[in-house]
Amino acid sequence: MKLALFTHLSWPEKINQPSVFYNAVDQVHLAESIGFDSAWFAEHHFTRYSMGASLLVILGHIAATTKSIRLGTGVLIPNLHNPIRLAEDTATVDVLSNGRLDVGFGRGVYGYEYGGFNIQADQSQERFQETVLSIRDLWSNKSVSMDGRFHQLKNIDLVPSPIQVPHPPVYIAATRSPDTLDFLISNDFLLCIAVVQDTKLALQLVSRYKEKCKAVARSPHMDKVPFFRYVHVAENESQAIENTKTHIDWIQDIMQWKRHLLDRTEVYQPMDEWLKSRNELPPTFDQIRDNRAFIGTPEHVAEQILGLREHGIEYFGCNFAMGGLTQEKIIASMKLFEKRVMPLIQ
């Protein structure tokens, strides 16, 4: 079982901004030292949920401080970018990392993330596909020209070129849309599974992905398809729950809140006021633990990961850093994962 690290770079109230970045870098260093294959970061904007706004700047820094671990974007939101700029930045990181970049794309979260960039959400699928294919072509070809609906390119020669040939691996988050899944299959891209989808539904998505790959006689490359879950390991179940409940609850609260904001952000508003005024509740801790998280003793977590293997999952991703969980507890969980979980799953 290959292993990946994942983080949103969350910034809850009273947390120091720089510490979120520095702690994440240290987590990647630890993951590399214990044999993780990759580390993935998510792009988001205008929210405490994630400070991954300049994702490729972050990965460029980490590339300079690591040697072997692959670096992934899980995911970039191409609809918010000029394809030339994104192609240049990803190619540069691929060069600086000596060909260690995996590029995941997704349509992101609507609401103010799109509104802040003045991008129309109702055109997101067409814009997404056009932008991703433009980036792929810029990576791979000389003198790229295109007269698209959203982008016009005329004789563009990308400098630098990515090291990986023909280009870095492309991953697509296809959580809900059949059109997105068809798009990634038809272009020979790879699937990635996000933490925001229940495990049962995620496994159904993997089954559809494998069926569609089989129908066009291409390999699903399951050893390259990361399946991300929230993960926390402690010596006993009650300690694991105590360590993570507040932080899982915060993640669900902030995700629900920011989805409701179309013309402003939640960044400098008090969450307590939102909690008092909302008229529906997000998933509970128990719902998340049962459906999206592997939280408990080493044996319990290993059993859940091995259960995924029965469904053909060969690449498991761990989101250890949950919404303000202290660095001490994150590192302790990672080290216990190394000592007690990894020997059971490899």
Protein backbone atom coordinates (compact mmCIF):
# COMPACT_ATOMS: atom_id res chain seq x y z
CA MET A 1 0.00 0.00 0.00
CA LYS A 2 1.51 3.31 -1.11
CA LEU A 3 0.96 6.20 1.26
CA ALA A 4 0.30 9.91 0.76
CA LEU A 5 0.03 12.91 3.07
CA PHE A 6 -2.67 15.56 2.59
CA THR A 7 -3.43 18.91 4.21
CA HIS A 8 -5.76 21.87 3.73
CA LEU A 9 -3.56 24.33 5.69
CA SER A 10 -6.52 25.30 7.87
CA TRP A 11 -6.34 28.48 9.94
CA PRO A 12 -8.83 28.42 12.85
CA GLU A 13 -9.25 31.38 15.14
CA LYS A 14 -6.33 32.13 17.50
CA ILE A 15 -3.92 30.10 15.36
CA ASN A 16 -0.78 31.86 14.14
CA GLN A 17 -0.71 32.01 10.32
CA PRO A 18 3.02 31.34 9.76
CA SER A 19 2.92 28.34 12.11
CA VAL A 20 0.38 26.65 9.85
CA PHE A 21 2.85 26.75 6.96
CA TYR A 22 5.96 25.86 8.98
CA ASN A 23 4.20 22.97 10.71
CA ALA A 24 2.99 21.62 7.37
CA VAL A 25 6.54 21.66 6.01
CA ASP A 26 7.74 19.71 9.06
CA GLN A 27 4.95 17.19 8.52
CA VAL A 28 6.11 16.65 4.94
CA HIS A 29 9.68 16.16 6.12
CA LEU A 30 8.50 13.51 8.59
CA ALA A 31 6.35 11.82 5.94
CA GLU A 32 9.33 11.64 3.60
CA SER A 33 11.55 10.18 6.32
CA ILE A 34 9.10 7.37 7.15
CA GLY A 35 8.53 6.35 3.54
CA PHE A 36 5.43 8.17 2.32
CA ASP A 37 5.29 8.38 -1.47
CA SER A 38 3.78 11.85 -1.77
CA ALA A 39 2.44 14.99 -0.08
CA TRP A 40 -0.61 16.82 -1.43
CA PHE A 41 -1.98 20.31 -0.76
CA ALA A 42 -5.33 21.90 -1.61
CA GLU A 43 -5.99 25.27 -3.24
CA HIS A 44 -8.64 27.49 -1.67
CA HIS A 45 -9.17 31.24 -1.43
CA PHE A 46 -10.64 33.77 1.01
CA THR A 47 -11.28 31.32 3.85
CA ARG A 48 -9.95 30.01 7.15
CA TYR A 49 -10.69 26.53 5.86
CA SER A 50 -7.48 26.64 3.83
CA MET A 51 -4.55 28.98 3.24
CA GLY A 52 -3.50 27.21 0.05
CA ALA A 53 -4.14 30.22 -2.15
CA SER A 54 -0.61 30.23 -3.65
CA LEU A 55 -0.27 26.49 -3.86
CA LEU A 56 2.63 26.31 -6.30
CA VAL A 57 4.67 28.78 -4.25
CA ILE A 58 4.22 26.42 -1.30
CA LEU A 59 5.25 23.37 -3.34
CA GLY A 60 8.26 25.21 -4.75
CA HIS A 61 9.46 25.85 -1.22
CA ILE A 62 8.89 22.26 -0.16
CA ALA A 63 10.65 20.99 -3.29
CA ALA A 64 13.78 22.80 -2.13
CA THR A 65 13.67 21.16 1.32
CA THR A 66 12.94 17.57 0.24
CA LYS A 67 14.63 14.98 -1.94
CA SER A 68 12.37 12.09 -2.86
CA ILE A 69 8.75 12.65 -1.84
CA ARG A 70 6.41 13.52 -4.71
CA LEU A 71 4.46 16.77 -4.44
CA GLY A 72 0.81 16.91 -5.43
CA THR A 73 -1.87 19.52 -5.94
CA GLY A 74 -5.09 18.19 -4.54
CA VAL A 75 -6.44 20.19 -6.22
CA LEU A 76 -5.66 23.28 -8.27
CA ILE A 77 -8.75 25.17 -9.47
CA PRO A 78 -7.96 25.98 -13.12
CA ASN A 79 -11.17 28.01 -13.55
CA LEU A 80 -9.62 30.72 -11.37
CA HIS A 81 -6.40 30.97 -13.41
CA ASN A 82 -5.02 31.96 -16.76
CA PRO A 83 -3.87 28.66 -18.35
CA ILE A 84 -0.54 30.13 -19.49
CA ARG A 85 0.35 31.29 -16.00
CA LEU A 86 -0.68 27.97 -14.46
CA ALA A 87 1.23 25.98 -17.08
CA GLU A 88 4.37 28.08 -16.45
CA ASP A 89 4.16 27.76 -12.67
CA THR A 90 3.54 24.00 -12.67
CA ALA A 91 6.34 23.43 -15.18
CA THR A 92 8.69 25.48 -13.00
CA VAL A 93 7.87 23.43 -9.90
CA ASP A 94 8.36 20.25 -11.91
CA VAL A 95 11.83 21.44 -12.87
CA LEU A 96 12.78 22.58 -9.36
CA SER A 97 11.55 19.29 -7.86
CA ASN A 98 13.42 17.26 -10.49
CA GLY A 99 10.21 15.79 -11.88
CA ARG A 100 8.34 15.12 -8.64
CA LEU A 101 5.13 17.04 -9.37
CA ASP A 102 1.66 15.46 -9.62
CA VAL A 103 -0.98 17.94 -10.81
CA GLY A 104 -4.53 17.48 -9.61
CA PHE A 105 -7.32 19.68 -10.97
CA GLY A 106 -10.85 20.23 -9.71
CA ARG A 107 -13.68 22.69 -10.17
CA GLY A 108 -13.51 23.78 -6.54
CA VAL A 109 -16.24 25.17 -4.31
CA TYR A 110 -18.69 27.72 -5.66
CA GLY A 111 -19.82 30.75 -3.69
CA TYR A 112 -17.35 33.45 -2.89
CA GLU A 113 -14.35 31.49 -4.18
CA TYR A 114 -15.76 32.00 -7.66
CA GLY A 115 -17.38 35.32 -6.81
CA GLY A 116 -14.15 36.85 -5.56
CA PHE A 117 -12.54 36.17 -8.95
CA ASN A 118 -15.70 37.25 -10.80
CA ILE A 119 -16.03 33.82 -12.43
CA GLN A 120 -19.48 32.50 -13.37
CA ALA A 121 -20.17 29.16 -11.69
CA ASP A 122 -22.77 28.13 -14.26
CA GLN A 123 -20.02 27.85 -16.89
CA SER A 124 -17.66 25.90 -14.63
CA GLN A 125 -17.63 22.55 -16.45
CA GLU A 126 -16.90 23.97 -19.90
CA ARG A 127 -14.31 26.41 -18.54
CA PHE A 128 -12.70 23.63 -16.50
CA GLN A 129 -12.26 21.29 -19.43
CA GLU A 130 -10.99 23.99 -21.78
CA THR A 131 -8.45 25.25 -19.24
CA VAL A 132 -7.12 21.81 -18.28
CA LEU A 133 -6.63 20.81 -21.91
CA SER A 134 -4.94 24.13 -22.64
CA ILE A 135 -2.45 23.51 -19.82
CA ARG A 136 -1.78 19.98 -21.04
CA ASP A 137 -1.15 21.24 -24.56
CA LEU A 138 1.13 24.03 -23.35
CA TRP A 139 3.20 21.50 -21.41
CA SER A 140 3.49 19.14 -24.37
CA ASN A 141 3.61 21.10 -27.61
CA LYS A 142 5.41 23.92 -29.36
CA SER A 143 3.64 27.05 -30.62
CA VAL A 144 0.25 26.36 -29.05
CA SER A 145 -2.69 28.28 -30.50
CA MET A 146 -6.31 28.01 -29.46
CA ASP A 147 -9.45 30.06 -30.01
CA GLY A 148 -11.58 28.85 -27.13
CA ARG A 149 -14.66 30.21 -25.47
CA PHE A 150 -12.74 31.37 -22.41
CA HIS A 151 -9.11 31.56 -23.55
CA GLN A 152 -7.33 32.60 -26.72
CA LEU A 153 -3.76 31.45 -27.24
CA LYS A 154 -1.58 32.45 -30.19
CA ASN A 155 1.76 30.75 -30.90
CA ILE A 156 2.62 30.21 -27.23
CA ASP A 157 5.92 28.44 -26.50
CA LEU A 158 6.06 27.46 -22.84
CA VAL A 159 9.29 28.18 -20.97
CA PRO A 160 10.38 26.27 -18.98
CA SER A 161 9.26 22.85 -20.12
CA PRO A 162 8.36 20.30 -17.46
CA ILE A 163 10.92 17.58 -16.83
CA GLN A 164 8.37 14.75 -16.90
CA VAL A 165 7.56 13.54 -20.40
CA PRO A 166 5.17 14.19 -21.98
CA HIS A 167 4.03 16.17 -18.91
CA PRO A 168 3.40 15.75 -15.16
CA PRO A 169 0.69 13.21 -14.29
CA VAL A 170 -2.76 14.81 -14.39
CA TYR A 171 -5.33 13.96 -11.72
CA ILE A 172 -8.98 14.98 -11.75
CA ALA A 173 -11.29 15.21 -8.75
CA ALA A 174 -14.59 13.83 -10.06
CA THR A 175 -16.59 13.73 -6.85
CA ARG A 176 -20.10 14.15 -8.24
CA SER A 177 -20.27 14.98 -11.93
CA PRO A 178 -20.49 12.16 -14.52
CA ASP A 179 -19.26 14.66 -17.11
CA THR A 180 -16.03 15.17 -15.17
CA LEU A 181 -15.45 11.42 -14.92
CA ASP A 182 -16.03 11.02 -18.66
CA PHE A 183 -13.64 13.90 -19.31
CA LEU A 184 -10.79 12.33 -17.34
CA ILE A 185 -11.31 8.92 -18.95
CA SER A 186 -11.39 10.30 -22.49
CA ASN A 187 -8.14 12.19 -21.91
CA ASP A 188 -6.32 9.38 -20.10
CA PHE A 189 -6.09 11.32 -16.83
CA LEU A 190 -6.11 9.79 -13.35
CA LEU A 191 -8.73 9.91 -10.61
CA CYS A 192 -8.15 11.25 -7.10
CA ILE A 193 -10.55 10.73 -4.18
CA ALA A 194 -11.16 13.66 -1.84
CA VAL A 195 -11.79 13.53 1.92
CA VAL A 196 -15.11 15.36 1.51
CA GLN A 197 -16.86 12.32 0.01
CA ASP A 198 -18.17 9.43 2.14
CA THR A 199 -16.12 6.25 1.79
CA LYS A 200 -19.06 4.24 0.44
CA LEU A 201 -19.75 6.80 -2.29
CA ALA A 202 -16.03 7.16 -3.01
CA LEU A 203 -15.70 3.41 -3.54
CA GLN A 204 -18.68 3.51 -5.90
CA LEU A 205 -16.90 6.26 -7.84
CA VAL A 206 -13.77 4.11 -8.03
CA SER A 207 -15.87 1.22 -9.39
CA ARG A 208 -17.35 3.46 -12.11
CA TYR A 209 -13.87 4.72 -12.93
CA LYS A 210 -12.52 1.18 -13.31
CA GLU A 211 -15.51 0.13 -15.42
CA LYS A 212 -15.07 3.08 -17.76
CA CYS A 213 -11.34 2.38 -18.06
CA LYS A 214 -12.07 -1.23 -18.93
CA ALA A 215 -14.60 -0.15 -21.57
CA VAL A 216 -11.92 1.79 -23.44
CA ALA A 217 -9.18 -0.80 -22.84
CA ARG A 218 -6.98 1.41 -20.65
CA SER A 219 -5.48 0.59 -17.28
CA PRO A 220 -7.00 2.38 -14.27
CA HIS A 221 -3.49 2.55 -12.75
CA MET A 222 -4.88 1.96 -9.26
CA ASP A 223 -1.37 2.16 -7.81
CA LYS A 224 -1.43 5.85 -8.79
CA VAL A 225 -4.96 6.77 -7.62
CA PRO A 226 -4.83 8.30 -4.11
CA PHE A 227 -7.77 7.66 -1.78
CA PHE A 228 -7.72 10.36 0.93
CA ARG A 229 -9.30 10.07 4.41
CA TYR A 230 -9.01 11.94 7.68
CA VAL A 231 -6.65 9.87 9.86
CA HIS A 232 -5.74 10.01 13.53
CA VAL A 233 -4.08 7.27 15.56
CA ALA A 234 -3.89 7.11 19.36
CA GLU A 235 -3.15 4.43 21.93
CA ASN A 236 -6.84 3.98 22.70
CA GLU A 237 -10.15 4.86 21.08
CA SER A 238 -11.29 7.38 23.69
CA GLN A 239 -8.04 9.34 23.34
CA ALA A 240 -8.36 9.39 19.55
CA ILE A 241 -11.90 10.75 19.82
CA GLU A 242 -10.93 13.33 22.44
CA ASN A 243 -8.02 14.52 20.29
CA THR A 244 -10.05 15.05 17.12
CA LYS A 245 -13.73 15.77 17.88
CA THR A 246 -13.44 19.56 18.26
CA HIS A 247 -11.34 19.81 15.10
CA ILE A 248 -13.58 17.62 12.94
CA ASP A 249 -16.57 19.67 14.15
CA TRP A 250 -14.76 22.89 13.21
CA ILE A 251 -14.10 21.59 9.70
CA GLN A 252 -17.79 20.78 9.18
CA ASP A 253 -18.89 24.14 10.59
CA ILE A 254 -16.53 26.17 8.40
CA MET A 255 -17.37 24.16 5.27
CA GLN A 256 -21.08 24.72 5.81
CA TRP A 257 -20.64 28.40 6.63
CA LYS A 258 -18.52 29.34 3.63
CA ARG A 259 -20.91 27.60 1.22
CA HIS A 260 -23.58 30.09 2.27
CA LEU A 261 -21.45 33.18 1.60
CA LEU A 262 -21.82 34.51 -1.95
CA ASP A 263 -20.66 38.12 -1.60
CA ARG A 264 -18.29 38.09 1.39
CA THR A 265 -16.01 35.74 3.34
CA GLU A 266 -16.12 34.31 6.84
CA VAL A 267 -12.49 35.21 7.59
CA TYR A 268 -13.04 38.17 9.91
CA GLN A 269 -16.50 37.26 11.17
CA PRO A 270 -17.13 35.50 14.52
CA MET A 271 -18.11 31.88 14.01
CA ASP A 272 -20.23 31.94 17.19
CA GLU A 273 -22.68 34.32 15.51
CA TRP A 274 -23.02 31.98 12.52
CA LEU A 275 -23.58 28.97 14.78
CA LYS A 276 -26.43 30.78 16.55
CA SER A 277 -28.14 31.84 13.35
CA ARG A 278 -27.90 28.78 11.10
CA ASN A 279 -31.08 26.74 10.58
CA GLU A 280 -29.51 23.38 9.71
CA LEU A 281 -26.71 21.30 11.15
CA PRO A 282 -23.70 19.82 9.28
CA PRO A 283 -22.68 16.17 9.63
CA THR A 284 -21.83 15.21 13.20
CA PHE A 285 -18.47 13.95 14.41
CA ASP A 286 -19.86 10.40 14.55
CA GLN A 287 -21.09 10.67 10.96
CA ILE A 288 -17.70 11.86 9.75
CA ARG A 289 -15.85 9.24 11.78
CA ASP A 290 -18.08 6.48 10.42
CA ASN A 291 -17.99 7.65 6.80
CA ARG A 292 -14.92 9.77 5.99
CA ALA A 293 -12.35 9.29 8.76
CA PHE A 294 -10.14 6.53 10.10
CA ILE A 295 -9.82 7.50 13.77
CA GLY A 296 -8.88 5.13 16.56
CA THR A 297 -6.26 2.66 17.68
CA PRO A 298 -3.51 1.50 15.31
CA GLU A 299 -5.25 -1.83 14.86
CA HIS A 300 -8.59 -0.19 14.08
CA VAL A 301 -7.07 2.19 11.52
CA ALA A 302 -5.07 -0.61 9.89
CA GLU A 303 -8.22 -2.73 9.62
CA GLN A 304 -10.06 0.09 7.85
CA ILE A 305 -7.20 0.64 5.40
CA LEU A 306 -7.00 -3.07 4.66
CA GLY A 307 -10.75 -2.97 4.01
CA LEU A 308 -10.07 -0.50 1.21
CA ARG A 309 -7.53 -2.88 -0.28
CA GLU A 310 -10.34 -5.41 -0.74
CA HIS A 311 -11.94 -2.86 -3.10
CA GLY A 312 -8.78 -2.48 -5.15
CA ILE A 313 -7.35 0.59 -3.40
CA GLU A 314 -3.54 0.52 -3.57
CA TYR A 315 -2.70 4.13 -2.69
CA PHE A 316 -3.97 5.56 0.61
CA GLY A 317 -3.81 9.22 1.60
CA CYS A 318 -3.78 10.47 5.20
CA ASN A 319 -5.12 13.86 6.28
CA PHE A 320 -3.51 14.04 9.74
CA ALA A 321 -3.79 17.84 10.14
CA MET A 322 -7.41 18.54 11.05
CA GLY A 323 -8.57 22.10 11.60
CA GLY A 324 -6.31 23.35 14.38
CA LEU A 325 -5.14 20.04 15.82
CA THR A 326 -1.85 20.80 17.56
CA GLN A 327 1.44 19.98 15.90
CA GLU A 328 2.35 17.81 18.88
CA LYS A 329 -0.71 15.60 18.38
CA ILE A 330 -0.29 15.48 14.59
CA ILE A 331 3.34 14.35 14.87
CA ALA A 332 2.48 11.82 17.60
CA SER A 333 -0.24 10.37 15.37
CA MET A 334 2.10 10.17 12.38
CA LYS A 335 4.80 8.44 14.40
CA LEU A 336 2.32 5.96 15.87
CA PHE A 337 1.05 5.35 12.33
CA GLU A 338 4.62 4.58 11.28
CA LYS A 339 5.30 2.29 14.22
CA ARG A 340 2.04 0.39 14.55
CA VAL A 341 -0.07 0.83 11.40
CA MET A 342 2.41 0.64 8.55
CA PRO A 343 3.72 -2.83 9.49
CA LEU A 344 0.13 -4.14 9.34
CA ILE A 345 -0.74 -2.74 5.90
CA GLN A 346 2.49 -3.23 3.94
